[in-house]
Amino acid sequence: MYYDNDTLMRFKIKGHAGYAAIGSDIVCASVSMLVFNTVNAITEFTDEPVSILKMDFNKGFFDCKFSERKTHESSEEADLLLKAMILGLDTIQKMYGEKYIQVEIIRR
């Protein structure tokens, strides 16, 4: 999670969880569902522009940027959806441990 002050500007998902075999990994599936549902909800229900920079399912990689947040105020609805996504990711980390998921916050 990449923040500029208190505003989430970008997030990346890297790698597979390794909790179980690919296709049976509930940690990886949970993370994927949270991330994709959040991006879809922001796109569908808000005016917040979303840029998917790179996506590779085989490598478990997803890079998403909110490029207009520097020049415009962010959408309150998008902020709430992103906070809910981070809450869900933090909950998965607490349930399954940092061995399988690490949520890293980078602020500048």
Protein backbone atom coordinates (compact mmCIF):
# COMPACT_ATOMS: atom_id res chain seq x y z
CA MET A 1 0.00 0.00 0.00
CA TYR A 2 1.56 3.27 -1.12
CA TYR A 3 0.34 6.42 0.62
CA ASP A 4 0.99 10.08 -0.06
CA ASN A 5 0.27 11.59 3.35
CA ASP A 6 -2.98 9.86 4.34
CA THR A 7 -4.18 9.15 0.79
CA LEU A 8 -3.79 5.69 -0.71
CA MET A 9 -2.31 6.27 -4.16
CA ARG A 10 -1.45 2.74 -5.29
CA PHE A 11 -1.37 -0.85 -4.16
CA LYS A 12 0.38 -3.96 -5.38
CA ILE A 13 -0.25 -7.62 -4.75
CA LYS A 14 2.82 -9.79 -5.29
CA GLY A 15 3.05 -13.58 -5.30
CA HIS A 16 0.93 -16.45 -4.14
CA ALA A 17 0.20 -17.08 -0.47
CA GLY A 18 1.56 -20.64 -0.40
CA TYR A 19 -1.02 -21.79 2.14
CA ALA A 20 -2.14 -24.64 -0.14
CA ALA A 21 -1.75 -25.73 -3.75
CA ILE A 22 -2.63 -23.14 -6.40
CA GLY A 23 -6.33 -23.49 -7.08
CA SER A 24 -7.02 -24.70 -3.52
CA ASP A 25 -5.40 -21.86 -1.57
CA ILE A 26 -8.08 -20.12 0.50
CA VAL A 27 -5.71 -17.33 1.58
CA CYS A 28 -4.84 -16.48 -2.03
CA ALA A 29 -8.48 -16.75 -3.07
CA SER A 30 -9.57 -14.48 -0.23
CA VAL A 31 -7.01 -11.82 -1.11
CA SER A 32 -7.93 -12.00 -4.80
CA MET A 33 -11.63 -11.69 -4.06
CA LEU A 34 -11.15 -8.68 -1.77
CA VAL A 35 -8.90 -6.89 -4.24
CA PHE A 36 -10.96 -7.54 -7.37
CA ASN A 37 -14.26 -6.76 -5.65
CA THR A 38 -12.85 -3.49 -4.32
CA VAL A 39 -11.54 -2.38 -7.72
CA ASN A 40 -14.81 -3.42 -9.40
CA ALA A 41 -16.88 -1.59 -6.77
CA ILE A 42 -14.81 1.59 -7.11
CA THR A 43 -15.18 1.45 -10.89
CA GLU A 44 -18.91 0.71 -10.75
CA PHE A 45 -20.08 2.90 -7.87
CA THR A 46 -17.74 5.91 -7.79
CA ASP A 47 -16.24 8.49 -10.12
CA GLU A 48 -12.72 7.61 -8.93
CA PRO A 49 -10.43 6.80 -11.89
CA VAL A 50 -8.64 3.45 -11.50
CA SER A 51 -5.60 2.40 -13.52
CA ILE A 52 -4.62 -1.25 -13.57
CA LEU A 53 -0.95 -1.04 -14.48
CA LYS A 54 -0.21 -4.76 -14.58
CA MET A 55 -2.02 -8.00 -13.87
CA ASP A 56 -0.57 -11.52 -14.07
CA PHE A 57 -2.70 -14.28 -12.55
CA ASN A 58 0.00 -16.94 -12.93
CA LYS A 59 2.48 -14.94 -10.87
CA GLY A 60 -0.13 -13.56 -8.46
CA PHE A 61 0.67 -9.99 -9.43
CA PHE A 62 -1.71 -7.02 -9.50
CA ASP A 63 -0.69 -3.35 -9.61
CA CYS A 64 -3.38 -0.68 -9.26
CA LYS A 65 -2.94 3.09 -9.20
CA PHE A 66 -5.25 6.01 -8.49
CA SER A 67 -3.46 8.61 -10.59
CA GLU A 68 -5.81 11.57 -10.15
CA ARG A 69 -5.67 11.59 -6.36
CA LYS A 70 -2.72 14.02 -6.41
CA THR A 71 -4.56 16.69 -8.36
CA HIS A 72 -8.15 16.08 -7.24
CA GLU A 73 -9.81 15.19 -4.01
CA SER A 74 -10.37 11.49 -3.66
CA SER A 75 -13.85 10.07 -3.58
CA GLU A 76 -15.18 9.44 -0.06
CA GLU A 77 -16.85 6.28 -1.34
CA ALA A 78 -13.59 5.02 -2.87
CA ASP A 79 -11.74 5.83 0.35
CA LEU A 80 -14.26 3.78 2.34
CA LEU A 81 -14.03 0.84 -0.08
CA LEU A 82 -10.23 0.89 0.09
CA LYS A 83 -10.28 1.06 3.90
CA ALA A 84 -12.62 -1.94 3.92
CA MET A 85 -10.23 -3.83 1.60
CA ILE A 86 -7.27 -3.08 3.89
CA LEU A 87 -9.30 -4.14 6.93
CA GLY A 88 -10.06 -7.43 5.18
CA LEU A 89 -6.40 -7.97 4.23
CA ASP A 90 -5.31 -7.20 7.81
CA THR A 91 -7.90 -9.68 9.12
CA ILE A 92 -6.63 -12.41 6.78
CA GLN A 93 -3.08 -11.69 7.98
CA LYS A 94 -4.16 -11.99 11.62
CA MET A 95 -6.05 -15.23 10.94
CA TYR A 96 -3.41 -17.03 8.85
CA GLY A 97 -0.18 -15.31 9.84
CA GLU A 98 2.54 -13.32 8.17
CA LYS A 99 3.99 -16.51 6.72
CA TYR A 100 1.17 -16.43 4.15
CA ILE A 101 0.31 -12.74 3.78
CA GLN A 102 2.14 -9.52 4.59
CA VAL A 103 0.45 -6.14 4.37
CA GLU A 104 3.09 -3.47 3.95
CA ILE A 105 2.33 0.25 4.29
CA ILE A 106 4.69 2.71 2.57
CA ARG A 107 4.24 6.40 3.33
CA ARG A 108 6.00 9.37 1.82
